[in-house]
Amino acid sequence: MAEGMSRMGRMPPGTPGPDKPIYTLSVAAEILATHPRTLMMYETVGLVTPHRTPTNRRRYTQHDLNKLQVVQRLTRSYGVNLAGVRQLLKLLAILKKNRLEPPAELRGIDLNLLEPAG
């Protein structure tokens, strides 16, 4: 067993979880290899809602970044526009909820990345 890990697979004490808002706009943009304005646009169209600090600065969670990676894959690899991405994400969530397989073209997308951990 890895040092610091419990038998239940939990993170060591003090390690931020996937829903802890720790990434600033610029750091999230760097991780995703995109422009910060693109992340603001994703927020505007409702694909992600970052947490806000008391001074109104955006903070992204690991879950937000995972979801945005799916968004990037849909837009870059499949050529889907943002309105289409919103609809596909809704459709994929419904399929997962009803335990149905997505179409073959979308089976490479990890649906677990779209849901918050917990």
N, C-alpha and C. Protein backbone atom coordinates (compact mmCIF):
# COMPACT_ATOMS: atom_id res chain seq x y z
N MET A 1 0.85 -1.18 0.00
CA MET A 1 0.00 0.00 0.00
C MET A 1 0.90 1.24 0.00
N ALA A 2 0.54 2.23 -0.79
CA ALA A 2 1.33 3.44 -0.88
C ALA A 2 1.36 4.17 0.45
N GLU A 3 2.51 4.74 0.73
CA GLU A 3 2.66 5.46 1.99
C GLU A 3 1.69 6.64 2.04
N GLY A 4 0.99 6.79 3.16
CA GLY A 4 0.07 7.90 3.35
C GLY A 4 -1.33 7.62 2.85
N MET A 5 -1.52 6.50 2.18
CA MET A 5 -2.85 6.18 1.68
C MET A 5 -3.53 5.22 2.64
N SER A 6 -4.81 5.39 2.83
CA SER A 6 -5.54 4.50 3.70
C SER A 6 -6.01 3.29 2.92
N ARG A 7 -6.56 2.32 3.60
CA ARG A 7 -7.07 1.13 2.92
C ARG A 7 -8.28 1.44 2.07
N MET A 8 -8.98 2.49 2.37
CA MET A 8 -10.17 2.86 1.61
C MET A 8 -9.82 3.66 0.36
N GLY A 9 -8.53 3.91 0.11
CA GLY A 9 -8.11 4.64 -1.07
C GLY A 9 -8.26 6.14 -0.94
N ARG A 10 -8.43 6.62 0.26
CA ARG A 10 -8.58 8.06 0.48
C ARG A 10 -7.23 8.74 0.32
N MET A 11 -7.31 10.04 0.05
CA MET A 11 -6.10 10.84 -0.08
C MET A 11 -5.52 11.10 1.31
N PRO A 12 -4.21 11.34 1.38
CA PRO A 12 -3.60 11.67 2.66
C PRO A 12 -4.21 12.95 3.23
N PRO A 13 -4.19 13.10 4.56
CA PRO A 13 -4.74 14.32 5.16
C PRO A 13 -4.08 15.56 4.58
N GLY A 14 -4.88 16.58 4.32
CA GLY A 14 -4.36 17.83 3.78
C GLY A 14 -4.33 17.88 2.26
N THR A 15 -4.57 16.76 1.60
CA THR A 15 -4.59 16.74 0.13
C THR A 15 -5.95 17.25 -0.33
N PRO A 16 -5.96 18.25 -1.24
CA PRO A 16 -7.25 18.76 -1.69
C PRO A 16 -8.00 17.73 -2.53
N GLY A 17 -9.31 17.64 -2.32
CA GLY A 17 -10.13 16.71 -3.06
C GLY A 17 -10.50 17.28 -4.43
N PRO A 18 -11.19 16.49 -5.26
CA PRO A 18 -11.53 16.93 -6.62
C PRO A 18 -12.55 18.06 -6.66
N ASP A 19 -13.22 18.33 -5.55
CA ASP A 19 -14.21 19.40 -5.53
C ASP A 19 -13.75 20.63 -4.75
N LYS A 20 -12.47 20.68 -4.44
CA LYS A 20 -11.93 21.84 -3.73
C LYS A 20 -11.48 22.88 -4.77
N PRO A 21 -12.03 24.10 -4.71
CA PRO A 21 -11.67 25.13 -5.69
C PRO A 21 -10.29 25.72 -5.41
N ILE A 22 -9.29 25.24 -6.13
CA ILE A 22 -7.92 25.67 -5.86
C ILE A 22 -7.21 26.30 -7.05
N TYR A 23 -7.70 26.08 -8.28
CA TYR A 23 -7.01 26.56 -9.47
C TYR A 23 -7.52 27.93 -9.89
N THR A 24 -6.62 28.88 -10.04
CA THR A 24 -6.99 30.20 -10.54
C THR A 24 -7.27 30.10 -12.03
N LEU A 25 -7.82 31.14 -12.59
CA LEU A 25 -8.12 31.18 -14.01
C LEU A 25 -6.86 30.93 -14.84
N SER A 26 -5.78 31.62 -14.50
CA SER A 26 -4.56 31.48 -15.30
C SER A 26 -3.95 30.09 -15.17
N VAL A 27 -4.00 29.51 -13.99
CA VAL A 27 -3.45 28.16 -13.79
C VAL A 27 -4.32 27.14 -14.53
N ALA A 28 -5.64 27.27 -14.43
CA ALA A 28 -6.54 26.35 -15.14
C ALA A 28 -6.31 26.46 -16.65
N ALA A 29 -6.15 27.66 -17.15
CA ALA A 29 -5.90 27.86 -18.59
C ALA A 29 -4.58 27.21 -19.00
N GLU A 30 -3.57 27.33 -18.16
CA GLU A 30 -2.28 26.72 -18.47
C GLU A 30 -2.39 25.20 -18.47
N ILE A 31 -3.06 24.63 -17.49
CA ILE A 31 -3.23 23.17 -17.42
C ILE A 31 -3.96 22.67 -18.65
N LEU A 32 -4.98 23.40 -19.08
CA LEU A 32 -5.79 22.99 -20.23
C LEU A 32 -5.21 23.44 -21.57
N ALA A 33 -4.10 24.15 -21.53
CA ALA A 33 -3.43 24.65 -22.74
C ALA A 33 -4.41 25.46 -23.60
N THR A 34 -5.07 26.41 -22.95
CA THR A 34 -6.02 27.26 -23.65
C THR A 34 -5.89 28.69 -23.12
N HIS A 35 -6.55 29.61 -23.75
CA HIS A 35 -6.51 31.00 -23.33
C HIS A 35 -7.50 31.22 -22.18
N PRO A 36 -7.16 32.04 -21.20
CA PRO A 36 -8.10 32.32 -20.10
C PRO A 36 -9.46 32.82 -20.59
N ARG A 37 -9.46 33.58 -21.69
CA ARG A 37 -10.73 34.08 -22.22
C ARG A 37 -11.64 32.92 -22.66
N THR A 38 -11.04 31.84 -23.13
CA THR A 38 -11.82 30.67 -23.53
C THR A 38 -12.55 30.10 -22.33
N LEU A 39 -11.88 30.04 -21.18
CA LEU A 39 -12.52 29.54 -19.96
C LEU A 39 -13.66 30.45 -19.54
N MET A 40 -13.48 31.76 -19.72
CA MET A 40 -14.56 32.70 -19.41
C MET A 40 -15.74 32.47 -20.34
N MET A 41 -15.46 32.16 -21.61
CA MET A 41 -16.53 31.90 -22.56
C MET A 41 -17.28 30.61 -22.18
N TYR A 42 -16.55 29.58 -21.76
CA TYR A 42 -17.20 28.35 -21.31
C TYR A 42 -18.13 28.63 -20.13
N GLU A 43 -17.71 29.53 -19.27
CA GLU A 43 -18.56 29.91 -18.14
C GLU A 43 -19.80 30.67 -18.63
N THR A 44 -19.62 31.57 -19.57
CA THR A 44 -20.72 32.37 -20.10
C THR A 44 -21.81 31.50 -20.72
N VAL A 45 -21.41 30.44 -21.42
CA VAL A 45 -22.40 29.58 -22.08
C VAL A 45 -22.91 28.48 -21.15
N GLY A 46 -22.43 28.45 -19.91
CA GLY A 46 -22.97 27.54 -18.91
C GLY A 46 -22.36 26.16 -18.87
N LEU A 47 -21.17 25.99 -19.43
CA LEU A 47 -20.53 24.67 -19.41
C LEU A 47 -19.83 24.39 -18.08
N VAL A 48 -19.45 25.44 -17.39
CA VAL A 48 -18.79 25.30 -16.09
C VAL A 48 -19.11 26.54 -15.27
N THR A 49 -19.22 26.34 -13.96
CA THR A 49 -19.45 27.47 -13.06
C THR A 49 -18.39 27.42 -11.96
N PRO A 50 -17.29 28.14 -12.16
CA PRO A 50 -16.25 28.11 -11.14
C PRO A 50 -16.72 28.80 -9.86
N HIS A 51 -16.11 28.39 -8.77
CA HIS A 51 -16.39 29.05 -7.49
C HIS A 51 -15.81 30.46 -7.55
N ARG A 52 -16.32 31.33 -6.70
CA ARG A 52 -15.81 32.70 -6.62
C ARG A 52 -15.30 32.97 -5.22
N THR A 53 -14.17 33.66 -5.14
CA THR A 53 -13.63 34.07 -3.86
C THR A 53 -14.41 35.28 -3.37
N PRO A 54 -14.21 35.69 -2.12
CA PRO A 54 -14.88 36.91 -1.64
C PRO A 54 -14.54 38.15 -2.49
N THR A 55 -13.40 38.11 -3.19
CA THR A 55 -13.03 39.23 -4.06
C THR A 55 -13.44 38.96 -5.51
N ASN A 56 -14.33 37.99 -5.72
CA ASN A 56 -14.93 37.66 -7.01
C ASN A 56 -13.95 37.06 -8.02
N ARG A 57 -12.89 36.44 -7.56
CA ARG A 57 -11.96 35.77 -8.48
C ARG A 57 -12.39 34.32 -8.67
N ARG A 58 -12.22 33.84 -9.88
CA ARG A 58 -12.61 32.47 -10.20
C ARG A 58 -11.64 31.47 -9.60
N ARG A 59 -12.20 30.35 -9.12
CA ARG A 59 -11.40 29.22 -8.64
C ARG A 59 -12.03 27.94 -9.20
N TYR A 60 -11.23 27.16 -9.90
CA TYR A 60 -11.69 25.93 -10.53
C TYR A 60 -11.30 24.72 -9.69
N THR A 61 -12.14 23.70 -9.71
CA THR A 61 -11.85 22.45 -9.02
C THR A 61 -11.24 21.47 -10.03
N GLN A 62 -10.72 20.36 -9.51
CA GLN A 62 -10.22 19.32 -10.40
C GLN A 62 -11.36 18.77 -11.24
N HIS A 63 -12.54 18.66 -10.64
CA HIS A 63 -13.71 18.21 -11.41
C HIS A 63 -14.00 19.17 -12.56
N ASP A 64 -13.92 20.48 -12.33
CA ASP A 64 -14.14 21.46 -13.40
C ASP A 64 -13.15 21.22 -14.54
N LEU A 65 -11.89 21.00 -14.19
CA LEU A 65 -10.87 20.78 -15.21
C LEU A 65 -11.14 19.50 -15.98
N ASN A 66 -11.56 18.45 -15.29
CA ASN A 66 -11.89 17.19 -15.97
C ASN A 66 -13.01 17.41 -16.97
N LYS A 67 -14.05 18.12 -16.55
CA LYS A 67 -15.19 18.38 -17.43
C LYS A 67 -14.74 19.22 -18.62
N LEU A 68 -13.90 20.20 -18.39
CA LEU A 68 -13.44 21.05 -19.48
C LEU A 68 -12.55 20.28 -20.46
N GLN A 69 -11.85 19.26 -19.98
CA GLN A 69 -11.10 18.42 -20.90
C GLN A 69 -12.04 17.67 -21.84
N VAL A 70 -13.19 17.23 -21.32
CA VAL A 70 -14.20 16.58 -22.16
C VAL A 70 -14.74 17.59 -23.18
N VAL A 71 -15.00 18.82 -22.73
CA VAL A 71 -15.47 19.87 -23.63
C VAL A 71 -14.45 20.10 -24.74
N GLN A 72 -13.17 20.18 -24.38
CA GLN A 72 -12.13 20.39 -25.38
C GLN A 72 -12.08 19.23 -26.38
N ARG A 73 -12.24 18.02 -25.88
CA ARG A 73 -12.21 16.87 -26.79
C ARG A 73 -13.37 16.93 -27.78
N LEU A 74 -14.55 17.29 -27.29
CA LEU A 74 -15.71 17.39 -28.18
C LEU A 74 -15.52 18.49 -29.22
N THR A 75 -14.96 19.62 -28.81
CA THR A 75 -14.80 20.72 -29.75
C THR A 75 -13.62 20.49 -30.70
N ARG A 76 -12.52 20.00 -30.19
CA ARG A 76 -11.31 19.84 -31.02
C ARG A 76 -11.32 18.58 -31.86
N SER A 77 -11.69 17.47 -31.28
CA SER A 77 -11.63 16.19 -32.00
C SER A 77 -12.87 15.91 -32.83
N TYR A 78 -14.02 16.34 -32.32
CA TYR A 78 -15.27 16.04 -33.01
C TYR A 78 -15.84 17.23 -33.76
N GLY A 79 -15.27 18.42 -33.56
CA GLY A 79 -15.74 19.60 -34.28
C GLY A 79 -17.10 20.11 -33.83
N VAL A 80 -17.48 19.84 -32.60
CA VAL A 80 -18.79 20.25 -32.09
C VAL A 80 -18.69 21.68 -31.57
N ASN A 81 -19.71 22.50 -31.87
CA ASN A 81 -19.71 23.86 -31.32
C ASN A 81 -20.21 23.81 -29.87
N LEU A 82 -20.13 24.94 -29.17
CA LEU A 82 -20.44 24.94 -27.74
C LEU A 82 -21.90 24.65 -27.44
N ALA A 83 -22.81 25.08 -28.30
CA ALA A 83 -24.22 24.74 -28.10
C ALA A 83 -24.41 23.24 -28.24
N GLY A 84 -23.71 22.64 -29.20
CA GLY A 84 -23.77 21.19 -29.37
C GLY A 84 -23.16 20.46 -28.19
N VAL A 85 -22.08 21.00 -27.65
CA VAL A 85 -21.44 20.39 -26.48
C VAL A 85 -22.43 20.36 -25.32
N ARG A 86 -23.12 21.47 -25.08
CA ARG A 86 -24.10 21.51 -23.99
C ARG A 86 -25.14 20.42 -24.15
N GLN A 87 -25.65 20.26 -25.36
CA GLN A 87 -26.67 19.24 -25.61
C GLN A 87 -26.10 17.83 -25.48
N LEU A 88 -24.90 17.61 -25.98
CA LEU A 88 -24.27 16.29 -25.86
C LEU A 88 -24.02 15.92 -24.40
N LEU A 89 -23.60 16.88 -23.60
CA LEU A 89 -23.35 16.60 -22.19
C LEU A 89 -24.65 16.22 -21.48
N LYS A 90 -25.74 16.89 -21.83
CA LYS A 90 -27.04 16.54 -21.26
C LYS A 90 -27.44 15.14 -21.68
N LEU A 91 -27.27 14.84 -22.97
CA LEU A 91 -27.62 13.52 -23.49
C LEU A 91 -26.78 12.43 -22.84
N LEU A 92 -25.48 12.66 -22.72
CA LEU A 92 -24.60 11.66 -22.10
C LEU A 92 -24.99 11.42 -20.64
N ALA A 93 -25.38 12.49 -19.94
CA ALA A 93 -25.80 12.33 -18.54
C ALA A 93 -27.08 11.50 -18.45
N ILE A 94 -28.00 11.71 -19.36
CA ILE A 94 -29.25 10.93 -19.37
C ILE A 94 -28.95 9.46 -19.68
N LEU A 95 -28.09 9.23 -20.66
CA LEU A 95 -27.72 7.86 -21.00
C LEU A 95 -27.08 7.16 -19.81
N LYS A 96 -26.18 7.86 -19.13
CA LYS A 96 -25.51 7.25 -17.97
C LYS A 96 -26.52 6.97 -16.85
N LYS A 97 -27.41 7.92 -16.61
CA LYS A 97 -28.41 7.76 -15.55
C LYS A 97 -29.28 6.53 -15.80
N ASN A 98 -29.58 6.29 -17.06
CA ASN A 98 -30.43 5.17 -17.44
C ASN A 98 -29.63 3.91 -17.80
N ARG A 99 -28.34 3.96 -17.53
CA ARG A 99 -27.43 2.83 -17.75
C ARG A 99 -27.46 2.33 -19.19
N LEU A 100 -27.47 3.29 -20.13
CA LEU A 100 -27.45 2.97 -21.55
C LEU A 100 -26.09 3.33 -22.12
N GLU A 101 -25.67 2.60 -23.12
CA GLU A 101 -24.40 2.86 -23.78
C GLU A 101 -24.53 4.07 -24.71
N PRO A 102 -23.52 4.94 -24.72
CA PRO A 102 -23.54 6.04 -25.70
C PRO A 102 -23.26 5.50 -27.10
N PRO A 103 -23.52 6.30 -28.12
CA PRO A 103 -23.18 5.87 -29.48
C PRO A 103 -21.70 5.53 -29.58
N ALA A 104 -21.36 4.66 -30.51
CA ALA A 104 -19.98 4.18 -30.66
C ALA A 104 -18.98 5.33 -30.78
N GLU A 105 -19.37 6.40 -31.48
CA GLU A 105 -18.47 7.54 -31.70
C GLU A 105 -18.12 8.26 -30.40
N LEU A 106 -18.95 8.13 -29.38
CA LEU A 106 -18.73 8.86 -28.13
C LEU A 106 -18.32 7.95 -26.98
N ARG A 107 -18.07 6.70 -27.24
CA ARG A 107 -17.72 5.78 -26.16
C ARG A 107 -16.34 6.06 -25.57
N GLY A 108 -15.51 6.81 -26.26
CA GLY A 108 -14.19 7.13 -25.73
C GLY A 108 -14.22 8.22 -24.68
N ILE A 109 -15.37 8.82 -24.44
CA ILE A 109 -15.48 9.89 -23.45
C ILE A 109 -15.83 9.28 -22.10
N ASP A 110 -15.02 9.56 -21.11
CA ASP A 110 -15.24 9.03 -19.77
C ASP A 110 -16.34 9.83 -19.09
N LEU A 111 -17.52 9.23 -18.97
CA LEU A 111 -18.67 9.92 -18.38
C LEU A 111 -18.48 10.23 -16.91
N ASN A 112 -17.59 9.53 -16.25
CA ASN A 112 -17.32 9.80 -14.83
C ASN A 112 -16.67 11.16 -14.63
N LEU A 113 -16.03 11.68 -15.69
CA LEU A 113 -15.39 12.99 -15.57
C LEU A 113 -16.41 14.12 -15.54
N LEU A 114 -17.63 13.83 -15.92
CA LEU A 114 -18.65 14.87 -15.99
C LEU A 114 -19.40 15.07 -14.69
N GLU A 115 -19.23 14.17 -13.75
CA GLU A 115 -19.96 14.26 -12.48
C GLU A 115 -19.01 14.60 -11.35
N PRO A 116 -19.50 15.37 -10.39
CA PRO A 116 -18.68 15.64 -9.21
C PRO A 116 -18.41 14.35 -8.46
N ALA A 117 -17.25 14.28 -7.84
CA ALA A 117 -16.92 13.11 -7.01
C ALA A 117 -17.83 13.11 -5.79
N GLY A 118 -18.05 11.94 -5.28
CA GLY A 118 -18.81 11.94 -4.04
C GLY A 118 -19.68 10.81 -4.01
